[in-house]
PDB file of N, CA and C in Angstrom:
ATOM      1  N   MET A   1      -8.302  17.014  -7.769  1.00  0.00           N
ATOM      2  CA  MET A   1      -8.164  16.139  -6.627  1.00  0.00           C
ATOM      3  C   MET A   1      -6.771  15.553  -6.635  1.00  0.00           C
ATOM      4  N   GLU A   2      -6.097  15.620  -5.515  1.00  0.00           N
ATOM      5  CA  GLU A   2      -4.735  15.134  -5.426  1.00  0.00           C
ATOM      6  C   GLU A   2      -4.696  13.956  -4.457  1.00  0.00           C
ATOM      7  N   LEU A   3      -4.079  12.880  -4.880  1.00  0.00           N
ATOM      8  CA  LEU A   3      -3.966  11.689  -4.050  1.00  0.00           C
ATOM      9  C   LEU A   3      -2.534  11.533  -3.615  1.00  0.00           C
ATOM     10  N   ARG A   4      -2.316  11.566  -2.330  1.00  0.00           N
ATOM     11  CA  ARG A   4      -0.978  11.366  -1.782  1.00  0.00           C
ATOM     12  C   ARG A   4      -1.023  10.208  -0.813  1.00  0.00           C
ATOM     13  N   ILE A   5      -0.090   9.323  -0.967  1.00  0.00           N
ATOM     14  CA  ILE A   5       0.034   8.208  -0.036  1.00  0.00           C
ATOM     15  C   ILE A   5       1.284   8.449   0.775  1.00  0.00           C
ATOM     16  N   SER A   6       1.078   8.749   2.038  1.00  0.00           N
ATOM     17  CA  SER A   6       2.212   9.042   2.895  1.00  0.00           C
ATOM     18  C   SER A   6       2.829   7.746   3.392  1.00  0.00           C
ATOM     19  N   PRO A   7       4.115   7.771   3.695  1.00  0.00           N
ATOM     20  CA  PRO A   7       4.745   6.558   4.198  1.00  0.00           C
ATOM     21  C   PRO A   7       4.144   6.176   5.540  1.00  0.00           C
ATOM     22  N   MET A   8       3.984   4.893   5.720  1.00  0.00           N
ATOM     23  CA  MET A   8       3.361   4.383   6.928  1.00  0.00           C
ATOM     24  C   MET A   8       4.344   4.482   8.095  1.00  0.00           C
ATOM     25  N   VAL A   9       3.873   4.933   9.215  1.00  0.00           N
ATOM     26  CA  VAL A   9       4.694   4.990  10.406  1.00  0.00           C
ATOM     27  C   VAL A   9       4.865   3.571  10.918  1.00  0.00           C
ATOM     28  N   GLN A  10       6.114   3.157  11.071  1.00  0.00           N
ATOM     29  CA  GLN A  10       6.365   1.794  11.486  1.00  0.00           C
ATOM     30  C   GLN A  10       6.621   1.730  12.983  1.00  0.00           C
ATOM     31  N   THR A  11       6.001   0.758  13.590  1.00  0.00           N
ATOM     32  CA  THR A  11       6.263   0.480  14.984  1.00  0.00           C
ATOM     33  C   THR A  11       7.472  -0.446  15.046  1.00  0.00           C
ATOM     34  N   PRO A  12       8.077  -0.635  16.210  1.00  0.00           N
ATOM     35  CA  PRO A  12       9.248  -1.504  16.285  1.00  0.00           C
ATOM     36  C   PRO A  12       8.989  -2.929  15.799  1.00  0.00           C
ATOM     37  N   ALA A  13       7.808  -3.466  16.077  1.00  0.00           N
ATOM     38  CA  ALA A  13       7.508  -4.828  15.639  1.00  0.00           C
ATOM     39  C   ALA A  13       7.410  -4.907  14.121  1.00  0.00           C
ATOM     40  N   MET A  14       6.801  -3.898  13.507  1.00  0.00           N
ATOM     41  CA  MET A  14       6.680  -3.889  12.050  1.00  0.00           C
ATOM     42  C   MET A  14       8.045  -3.683  11.407  1.00  0.00           C
ATOM     43  N   ALA A  15       8.905  -2.900  12.048  1.00  0.00           N
ATOM     44  CA  ALA A  15      10.249  -2.686  11.512  1.00  0.00           C
ATOM     45  C   ALA A  15      11.049  -3.979  11.520  1.00  0.00           C
ATOM     46  N   ARG A  16      10.874  -4.773  12.564  1.00  0.00           N
ATOM     47  CA  ARG A  16      11.577  -6.064  12.618  1.00  0.00           C
ATOM     48  C   ARG A  16      11.072  -6.994  11.535  1.00  0.00           C
ATOM     49  N   LEU A  17       9.751  -6.980  11.291  1.00  0.00           N
ATOM     50  CA  LEU A  17       9.180  -7.864  10.282  1.00  0.00           C
ATOM     51  C   LEU A  17       9.551  -7.447   8.872  1.00  0.00           C
ATOM     52  N   SER A  18       9.711  -6.156   8.631  1.00  0.00           N
ATOM     53  CA  SER A  18       9.993  -5.687   7.277  1.00  0.00           C
ATOM     54  C   SER A  18      11.482  -5.509   7.007  1.00  0.00           C
ATOM     55  N   ALA A  19      12.333  -5.834   7.963  1.00  0.00           N
ATOM     56  CA  ALA A  19      13.775  -5.659   7.772  1.00  0.00           C
ATOM     57  C   ALA A  19      14.298  -6.511   6.627  1.00  0.00           C
ATOM     58  N   ALA A  20      13.712  -7.666   6.419  1.00  0.00           N
ATOM     59  CA  ALA A  20      14.164  -8.534   5.338  1.00  0.00           C
ATOM     60  C   ALA A  20      13.791  -7.971   3.974  1.00  0.00           C
ATOM     61  N   ASN A  21      12.725  -7.209   3.889  1.00  0.00           N
ATOM     62  CA  ASN A  21      12.264  -6.661   2.610  1.00  0.00           C
ATOM     63  C   ASN A  21      13.053  -5.427   2.177  1.00  0.00           C
ATOM     64  N   ARG A  22      13.842  -4.861   3.048  1.00  0.00           N
ATOM     65  CA  ARG A  22      14.566  -3.643   2.714  1.00  0.00           C
ATOM     66  C   ARG A  22      15.712  -3.873   1.753  1.00  0.00           C
ATOM     67  N   GLY A  23      16.138  -5.084   1.580  1.00  0.00           N
ATOM     68  CA  GLY A  23      17.245  -5.384   0.682  1.00  0.00           C
ATOM     69  C   GLY A  23      16.913  -5.114  -0.765  1.00  0.00           C
ATOM     70  N   THR A  24      15.639  -5.097  -1.125  1.00  0.00           N
ATOM     71  CA  THR A  24      15.221  -4.849  -2.504  1.00  0.00           C
ATOM     72  C   THR A  24      14.759  -3.411  -2.625  1.00  0.00           C
ATOM     73  N   SER A  25      15.675  -2.528  -2.999  1.00  0.00           N
ATOM     74  CA  SER A  25      15.318  -1.115  -3.152  1.00  0.00           C
ATOM     75  C   SER A  25      15.246  -0.765  -4.623  1.00  0.00           C
ATOM     76  N   GLY A  26      14.544   0.314  -4.925  1.00  0.00           N
ATOM     77  CA  GLY A  26      14.363   0.751  -6.302  1.00  0.00           C
ATOM     78  C   GLY A  26      15.592   1.457  -6.825  1.00  0.00           C
ATOM     79  N   SER A  27      15.516   1.963  -8.034  1.00  0.00           N
ATOM     80  CA  SER A  27      16.635   2.660  -8.638  1.00  0.00           C
ATOM     81  C   SER A  27      16.814   4.022  -7.980  1.00  0.00           C
ATOM     82  N   SER A  28      18.009   4.577  -8.123  1.00  0.00           N
ATOM     83  CA  SER A  28      18.284   5.861  -7.493  1.00  0.00           C
ATOM     84  C   SER A  28      17.701   7.015  -8.299  1.00  0.00           C
ATOM     85  N   VAL A  29      17.423   6.785  -9.582  1.00  0.00           N
ATOM     86  CA  VAL A  29      16.826   7.820 -10.415  1.00  0.00           C
ATOM     87  C   VAL A  29      15.313   7.698 -10.306  1.00  0.00           C
ATOM     88  N   GLN A  30      14.654   8.804  -9.946  1.00  0.00           N
ATOM     89  CA  GLN A  30      13.215   8.770  -9.762  1.00  0.00           C
ATOM     90  C   GLN A  30      12.528   9.456 -10.926  1.00  0.00           C
ATOM     91  N   ASP A  31      11.532   8.788 -11.510  1.00  0.00           N
ATOM     92  CA  ASP A  31      10.722   9.384 -12.552  1.00  0.00           C
ATOM     93  C   ASP A  31       9.588  10.162 -11.891  1.00  0.00           C
ATOM     94  N   SER A  32       9.116  11.182 -12.575  1.00  0.00           N
ATOM     95  CA  SER A  32       8.043  11.980 -11.995  1.00  0.00           C
ATOM     96  C   SER A  32       6.767  11.890 -12.813  1.00  0.00           C
ATOM     97  N   GLY A  33       6.650  10.899 -13.672  1.00  0.00           N
ATOM     98  CA  GLY A  33       5.472  10.754 -14.508  1.00  0.00           C
ATOM     99  C   GLY A  33       4.329  10.080 -13.791  1.00  0.00           C
ATOM    100  N   PHE A  34       3.197  10.054 -14.493  1.00  0.00           N
ATOM    101  CA  PHE A  34       1.996   9.460 -13.920  1.00  0.00           C
ATOM    102  C   PHE A  34       2.184   7.965 -13.664  1.00  0.00           C
ATOM    103  N   ALA A  35       2.807   7.274 -14.613  1.00  0.00           N
ATOM    104  CA  ALA A  35       2.993   5.829 -14.477  1.00  0.00           C
ATOM    105  C   ALA A  35       3.856   5.491 -13.274  1.00  0.00           C
ATOM    106  N   SER A  36       4.921   6.239 -13.047  1.00  0.00           N
ATOM    107  CA  SER A  36       5.784   5.956 -11.901  1.00  0.00           C
ATOM    108  C   SER A  36       5.091   6.298 -10.589  1.00  0.00           C
ATOM    109  N   THR A  37       4.280   7.358 -10.599  1.00  0.00           N
ATOM    110  CA  THR A  37       3.528   7.709  -9.399  1.00  0.00           C
ATOM    111  C   THR A  37       2.512   6.632  -9.058  1.00  0.00           C
ATOM    112  N   LEU A  38       1.815   6.156 -10.082  1.00  0.00           N
ATOM    113  CA  LEU A  38       0.835   5.092  -9.871  1.00  0.00           C
ATOM    114  C   LEU A  38       1.516   3.807  -9.402  1.00  0.00           C
ATOM    115  N   LYS A  39       2.643   3.484 -10.008  1.00  0.00           N
ATOM    116  CA  LYS A  39       3.382   2.283  -9.616  1.00  0.00           C
ATOM    117  C   LYS A  39       3.863   2.388  -8.165  1.00  0.00           C
ATOM    118  N   GLY A  40       4.336   3.558  -7.788  1.00  0.00           N
ATOM    119  CA  GLY A  40       4.767   3.773  -6.408  1.00  0.00           C
ATOM    120  C   GLY A  40       3.619   3.638  -5.417  1.00  0.00           C
ATOM    121  N   ALA A  41       2.459   4.175  -5.778  1.00  0.00           N
ATOM    122  CA  ALA A  41       1.293   4.076  -4.899  1.00  0.00           C
ATOM    123  C   ALA A  41       0.844   2.628  -4.759  1.00  0.00           C
ATOM    124  N   LEU A  42       0.840   1.887  -5.869  1.00  0.00           N
ATOM    125  CA  LEU A  42       0.463   0.473  -5.806  1.00  0.00           C
ATOM    126  C   LEU A  42       1.467  -0.332  -4.993  1.00  0.00           C
ATOM    127  N   SER A  43       2.732   0.002  -5.114  1.00  0.00           N
ATOM    128  CA  SER A  43       3.754  -0.681  -4.320  1.00  0.00           C
ATOM    129  C   SER A  43       3.580  -0.402  -2.827  1.00  0.00           C
ATOM    130  N   ALA A  44       3.233   0.838  -2.499  1.00  0.00           N
ATOM    131  CA  ALA A  44       3.019   1.191  -1.094  1.00  0.00           C
ATOM    132  C   ALA A  44       1.821   0.444  -0.517  1.00  0.00           C
ATOM    133  N   VAL A  45       0.741   0.348  -1.291  1.00  0.00           N
ATOM    134  CA  VAL A  45      -0.442  -0.388  -0.828  1.00  0.00           C
ATOM    135  C   VAL A  45      -0.104  -1.870  -0.663  1.00  0.00           C
ATOM    136  N   SER A  46       0.641  -2.409  -1.608  1.00  0.00           N
ATOM    137  CA  SER A  46       1.026  -3.815  -1.528  1.00  0.00           C
ATOM    138  C   SER A  46       1.913  -4.078  -0.311  1.00  0.00           C
ATOM    139  N   ALA A  47       2.849  -3.171  -0.050  1.00  0.00           N
ATOM    140  CA  ALA A  47       3.726  -3.329   1.116  1.00  0.00           C
ATOM    141  C   ALA A  47       2.926  -3.254   2.414  1.00  0.00           C
ATOM    142  N   THR A  48       1.950  -2.364   2.465  1.00  0.00           N
ATOM    143  CA  THR A  48       1.100  -2.254   3.651  1.00  0.00           C
ATOM    144  C   THR A  48       0.313  -3.538   3.872  1.00  0.00           C
ATOM    145  N   GLN A  49      -0.208  -4.116   2.789  1.00  0.00           N
ATOM    146  CA  GLN A  49      -0.943  -5.373   2.906  1.00  0.00           C
ATOM    147  C   GLN A  49      -0.024  -6.506   3.352  1.00  0.00           C
ATOM    148  N   ASP A  50       1.199  -6.526   2.827  1.00  0.00           N
ATOM    149  CA  ASP A  50       2.154  -7.569   3.223  1.00  0.00           C
ATOM    150  C   ASP A  50       2.513  -7.459   4.700  1.00  0.00           C
ATOM    151  N   GLN A  51       2.716  -6.230   5.174  1.00  0.00           N
ATOM    152  CA  GLN A  51       3.048  -6.032   6.587  1.00  0.00           C
ATOM    153  C   GLN A  51       1.884  -6.438   7.488  1.00  0.00           C
ATOM    154  N   ALA A  52       0.664  -6.106   7.084  1.00  0.00           N
ATOM    155  CA  ALA A  52      -0.506  -6.485   7.874  1.00  0.00           C
ATOM    156  C   ALA A  52      -0.655  -8.000   7.917  1.00  0.00           C
ATOM    157  N   GLN A  53      -0.407  -8.646   6.798  1.00  0.00           N
ATOM    158  CA  GLN A  53      -0.500 -10.100   6.748  1.00  0.00           C
ATOM    159  C   GLN A  53       0.578 -10.748   7.611  1.00  0.00           C
ATOM    160  N   ALA A  54       1.789 -10.184   7.584  1.00  0.00           N
ATOM    161  CA  ALA A  54       2.864 -10.723   8.413  1.00  0.00           C
ATOM    162  C   ALA A  54       2.548 -10.564   9.899  1.00  0.00           C
ATOM    163  N   LEU A  55       2.009  -9.403  10.274  1.00  0.00           N
ATOM    164  CA  LEU A  55       1.624  -9.194  11.667  1.00  0.00           C
ATOM    165  C   LEU A  55       0.504 -10.150  12.075  1.00  0.00           C
ATOM    166  N   GLN A  56      -0.453 -10.348  11.185  1.00  0.00           N
ATOM    167  CA  GLN A  56      -1.559 -11.260  11.478  1.00  0.00           C
ATOM    168  C   GLN A  56      -1.036 -12.679  11.684  1.00  0.00           C
ATOM    169  N   ARG A  57      -0.104 -13.082  10.848  1.00  0.00           N
ATOM    170  CA  ARG A  57       0.476 -14.425  10.985  1.00  0.00           C
ATOM    171  C   ARG A  57       1.218 -14.574  12.320  1.00  0.00           C
ATOM    172  N   GLU A  58       1.942 -13.519  12.709  1.00  0.00           N
ATOM    173  CA  GLU A  58       2.676 -13.572  13.979  1.00  0.00           C
ATOM    174  C   GLU A  58       1.721 -13.642  15.172  1.00  0.00           C
ATOM    175  N   VAL A  59       0.596 -12.940  15.094  1.00  0.00           N
ATOM    176  CA  VAL A  59      -0.395 -13.014  16.172  1.00  0.00           C
ATOM    177  C   VAL A  59      -0.983 -14.416  16.242  1.00  0.00           C
ATOM    178  N   GLN A  60      -1.251 -15.005  15.084  1.00  0.00           N
ATOM    179  CA  GLN A  60      -1.801 -16.362  15.057  1.00  0.00           C
ATOM    180  C   GLN A  60      -0.806 -17.383  15.598  1.00  0.00           C
ATOM    181  N   LEU A  61       0.488 -17.106  15.429  1.00  0.00           N
ATOM    182  CA  LEU A  61       1.520 -17.994  15.973  1.00  0.00           C
ATOM    183  C   LEU A  61       1.837 -17.675  17.430  1.00  0.00           C
ATOM    184  N   GLU A  62       1.074 -16.748  18.004  1.00  0.00           N
ATOM    185  CA  GLU A  62       1.179 -16.348  19.413  1.00  0.00           C
ATOM    186  C   GLU A  62       2.550 -15.785  19.769  1.00  0.00           C
ATOM    187  N   ASN A  63       3.052 -14.918  18.918  1.00  0.00           N
ATOM    188  CA  ASN A  63       4.307 -14.222  19.188  1.00  0.00           C
ATOM    189  C   ASN A  63       4.047 -13.185  20.276  1.00  0.00           C
ATOM    190  N   PRO A  64       4.735 -13.250  21.403  1.00  0.00           N
ATOM    191  CA  PRO A  64       4.457 -12.309  22.497  1.00  0.00           C
ATOM    192  C   PRO A  64       4.913 -10.879  22.197  1.00  0.00           C
ATOM    193  N   ASN A  65       5.750 -10.677  21.187  1.00  0.00           N
ATOM    194  CA  ASN A  65       6.248  -9.339  20.860  1.00  0.00           C
ATOM    195  C   ASN A  65       5.282  -8.543  19.981  1.00  0.00           C
ATOM    196  N   ILE A  66       4.251  -9.187  19.448  1.00  0.00           N
ATOM    197  CA  ILE A  66       3.304  -8.528  18.550  1.00  0.00           C
ATOM    198  C   ILE A  66       1.970  -8.384  19.269  1.00  0.00           C
ATOM    199  N   SER A  67       1.462  -7.160  19.321  1.00  0.00           N
ATOM    200  CA  SER A  67       0.185  -6.931  20.003  1.00  0.00           C
ATOM    201  C   SER A  67      -0.965  -7.022  19.010  1.00  0.00           C
ATOM    202  N   ILE A  68      -2.117  -7.401  19.516  1.00  0.00           N
ATOM    203  CA  ILE A  68      -3.306  -7.508  18.680  1.00  0.00           C
ATOM    204  C   ILE A  68      -3.763  -6.134  18.210  1.00  0.00           C
ATOM    205  N   GLU A  69      -3.555  -5.114  19.043  1.00  0.00           N
ATOM    206  CA  GLU A  69      -3.958  -3.759  18.670  1.00  0.00           C
ATOM    207  C   GLU A  69      -3.160  -3.262  17.478  1.00  0.00           C
ATOM    208  N   GLU A  70      -1.851  -3.499  17.515  1.00  0.00           N
ATOM    209  CA  GLU A  70      -0.975  -3.098  16.420  1.00  0.00           C
ATOM    210  C   GLU A  70      -1.369  -3.820  15.127  1.00  0.00           C
ATOM    211  N   THR A  71      -1.721  -5.081  15.255  1.00  0.00           N
ATOM    212  CA  THR A  71      -2.126  -5.875  14.103  1.00  0.00           C
ATOM    213  C   THR A  71      -3.431  -5.360  13.519  1.00  0.00           C
ATOM    214  N   MET A  72      -4.387  -5.030  14.369  1.00  0.00           N
ATOM    215  CA  MET A  72      -5.678  -4.539  13.888  1.00  0.00           C
ATOM    216  C   MET A  72      -5.527  -3.182  13.184  1.00  0.00           C
ATOM    217  N   VAL A  73      -4.675  -2.321  13.712  1.00  0.00           N
ATOM    218  CA  VAL A  73      -4.442  -1.020  13.078  1.00  0.00           C
ATOM    219  C   VAL A  73      -3.797  -1.224  11.705  1.00  0.00           C
ATOM    220  N   ALA A  74      -2.820  -2.135  11.626  1.00  0.00           N
ATOM    221  CA  ALA A  74      -2.171  -2.414  10.338  1.00  0.00           C
ATOM    222  C   ALA A  74      -3.165  -2.993   9.340  1.00  0.00           C
ATOM    223  N   MET A  75      -4.065  -3.846   9.800  1.00  0.00           N
ATOM    224  CA  MET A  75      -5.071  -4.421   8.906  1.00  0.00           C
ATOM    225  C   MET A  75      -6.037  -3.351   8.402  1.00  0.00           C
ATOM    226  N   GLN A  76      -6.422  -2.413   9.262  1.00  0.00           N
ATOM    227  CA  GLN A  76      -7.321  -1.335   8.848  1.00  0.00           C
ATOM    228  C   GLN A  76      -6.643  -0.401   7.848  1.00  0.00           C
ATOM    229  N   LYS A  77      -5.351  -0.117   8.070  1.00  0.00           N
ATOM    230  CA  LYS A  77      -4.614   0.718   7.124  1.00  0.00           C
ATOM    231  C   LYS A  77      -4.528   0.037   5.763  1.00  0.00           C
ATOM    232  N   ALA A  78      -4.293  -1.258   5.767  1.00  0.00           N
ATOM    233  CA  ALA A  78      -4.221  -2.010   4.511  1.00  0.00           C
ATOM    234  C   ALA A  78      -5.576  -2.001   3.805  1.00  0.00           C
ATOM    235  N   GLN A  79      -6.643  -2.153   4.557  1.00  0.00           N
ATOM    236  CA  GLN A  79      -7.980  -2.150   3.967  1.00  0.00           C
ATOM    237  C   GLN A  79      -8.327  -0.786   3.374  1.00  0.00           C
ATOM    238  N   LEU A  80      -7.998   0.285   4.082  1.00  0.00           N
ATOM    239  CA  LEU A  80      -8.267   1.627   3.571  1.00  0.00           C
ATOM    240  C   LEU A  80      -7.454   1.919   2.313  1.00  0.00           C
ATOM    241  N   GLY A  81      -6.204   1.492   2.301  1.00  0.00           N
ATOM    242  CA  GLY A  81      -5.375   1.680   1.119  1.00  0.00           C
ATOM    243  C   GLY A  81      -5.921   0.933  -0.075  1.00  0.00           C
ATOM    244  N   PHE A  82      -6.389  -0.289   0.155  1.00  0.00           N
ATOM    245  CA  PHE A  82      -6.962  -1.079  -0.932  1.00  0.00           C
ATOM    246  C   PHE A  82      -8.242  -0.442  -1.453  1.00  0.00           C
ATOM    247  N   GLN A  83      -9.096   0.048  -0.556  1.00  0.00           N
ATOM    248  CA  GLN A  83     -10.335   0.707  -0.980  1.00  0.00           C
ATOM    249  C   GLN A  83     -10.042   1.972  -1.776  1.00  0.00           C
ATOM    250  N   ALA A  84      -9.042   2.735  -1.358  1.00  0.00           N
ATOM    251  CA  ALA A  84      -8.669   3.935  -2.102  1.00  0.00           C
ATOM    252  C   ALA A  84      -8.154   3.566  -3.486  1.00  0.00           C
ATOM    253  N   THR A  85      -7.385   2.490  -3.562  1.00  0.00           N
ATOM    254  CA  THR A  85      -6.878   2.023  -4.851  1.00  0.00           C
ATOM    255  C   THR A  85      -8.021   1.610  -5.766  1.00  0.00           C
ATOM    256  N   LEU A  86      -9.016   0.927  -5.222  1.00  0.00           N
ATOM    257  CA  LEU A  86     -10.172   0.537  -6.028  1.00  0.00           C
ATOM    258  C   LEU A  86     -10.933   1.753  -6.553  1.00  0.00           C
ATOM    259  N   HIS A  87     -11.083   2.780  -5.714  1.00  0.00           N
ATOM    260  CA  HIS A  87     -11.783   3.989  -6.144  1.00  0.00           C
ATOM    261  C   HIS A  87     -11.016   4.686  -7.271  1.00  0.00           C
ATOM    262  N   VAL A  88      -9.699   4.754  -7.144  1.00  0.00           N
ATOM    263  CA  VAL A  88      -8.883   5.372  -8.196  1.00  0.00           C
ATOM    264  C   VAL A  88      -9.002   4.573  -9.481  1.00  0.00           C
ATOM    265  N   ARG A  89      -8.944   3.249  -9.382  1.00  0.00           N
ATOM    266  CA  ARG A  89      -9.079   2.413 -10.573  1.00  0.00           C
ATOM    267  C   ARG A  89     -10.439   2.617 -11.236  1.00  0.00           C
ATOM    268  N   ASN A  90     -11.494   2.655 -10.445  1.00  0.00           N
ATOM    269  CA  ASN A  90     -12.832   2.857 -11.005  1.00  0.00           C
ATOM    270  C   ASN A  90     -12.954   4.212 -11.695  1.00  0.00           C
ATOM    271  N   ARG A  91     -12.350   5.240 -11.112  1.00  0.00           N
ATOM    272  CA  ARG A  91     -12.375   6.562 -11.737  1.00  0.00           C
ATOM    273  C   ARG A  91     -11.593   6.562 -13.045  1.00  0.00           C
ATOM    274  N   MET A  92     -10.470   5.868 -13.074  1.00  0.00           N
ATOM    275  CA  MET A  92      -9.667   5.805 -14.297  1.00  0.00           C
ATOM    276  C   MET A  92     -10.401   5.049 -15.394  1.00  0.00           C
ATOM    277  N   VAL A  93     -11.065   3.966 -15.046  1.00  0.00           N
ATOM    278  CA  VAL A  93     -11.833   3.211 -16.039  1.00  0.00           C
ATOM    279  C   VAL A  93     -12.985   4.058 -16.555  1.00  0.00           C
ATOM    280  N   GLN A  94     -13.641   4.779 -15.678  1.00  0.00           N
ATOM    281  CA  GLN A  94     -14.745   5.650 -16.097  1.00  0.00           C
ATOM    282  C   GLN A  94     -14.243   6.758 -17.022  1.00  0.00           C
ATOM    283  N   ALA A  95     -13.101   7.353 -16.697  1.00  0.00           N
ATOM    284  CA  ALA A  95     -12.540   8.401 -17.552  1.00  0.00           C
ATOM    285  C   ALA A  95     -12.154   7.836 -18.916  1.00  0.00           C
ATOM    286  N   TYR A  96     -11.575   6.658 -18.941  1.00  0.00           N
ATOM    287  CA  TYR A  96     -11.215   6.006 -20.203  1.00  0.00           C
ATOM    288  C   TYR A  96     -12.461   5.737 -21.043  1.00  0.00           C
ATOM    289  N   THR A  97     -13.507   5.236 -20.394  1.00  0.00           N
ATOM    290  CA  THR A  97     -14.755   4.966 -21.103  1.00  0.00           C
ATOM    291  C   THR A  97     -15.365   6.242 -21.667  1.00  0.00           C
ATOM    292  N   ASP A  98     -15.333   7.320 -20.870  1.00  0.00           N
ATOM    293  CA  ASP A  98     -15.853   8.608 -21.339  1.00  0.00           C
ATOM    294  C   ASP A  98     -15.081   9.113 -22.553  1.00  0.00           C
ATOM    295  N   ILE A  99     -13.763   8.995 -22.513  1.00  0.00           N
ATOM    296  CA  ILE A  99     -12.939   9.454 -23.626  1.00  0.00           C
ATOM    297  C   ILE A  99     -13.197   8.608 -24.871  1.00  0.00           C
ATOM    298  N   MET A 100     -13.327   7.305 -24.689  1.00  0.00           N
ATOM    299  CA  MET A 100     -13.554   6.425 -25.846  1.00  0.00           C
ATOM    300  C   MET A 100     -14.942   6.642 -26.469  1.00  0.00           C
ATOM    301  N   ASN A 101     -15.893   7.111 -25.688  1.00  0.00           N
ATOM    302  CA  ASN A 101     -17.240   7.359 -26.204  1.00  0.00           C
ATOM    303  C   ASN A 101     -17.416   8.741 -26.807  1.00  0.00           C
ATOM    304  N   MET A 102     -16.370   9.577 -26.749  1.00  0.00           N
ATOM    305  CA  MET A 102     -16.459  10.916 -27.325  1.00  0.00           C
ATOM    306  C   MET A 102     -16.442  10.824 -28.851  1.00  0.00           C
ATOM    307  N   GLN A 103     -17.243  11.663 -29.442  1.00  0.00           N
ATOM    308  CA  GLN A 103     -17.239  11.711 -30.910  1.00  0.00           C
ATOM    309  C   GLN A 103     -16.234  12.764 -31.359  1.00  0.00           C
ATOM    310  N   VAL A 104     -15.468  12.377 -32.352  1.00  0.00           N
ATOM    311  CA  VAL A 104     -14.424  13.284 -32.847  1.00  0.00           C
ATOM    312  C   VAL A 104     -14.877  13.992 -34.097  1.00  0.00           C
TER     313      VAL A 104
END
């Protein structure tokens, strides 16, 4: 089973909200190990949740440039990403438990 997290398509409103976060970029050298892949996936899920929260806050502040539909889609994407992360974590814990219970 292969898990790929594709980059989220940004709408113009989300691009404006996330412009401040672009100043903090990662290193130019990319690792290809499991830990770096997992860290990247967790960072992507966290960024999606942050963007959804920012959009939700803007809707609550009645910003006319942010639509409720765009906000709801961002919230659903964040929820799906979080659920996928929980499933991966549960599978990893189960695999660890299985390995630790093996008799050598």
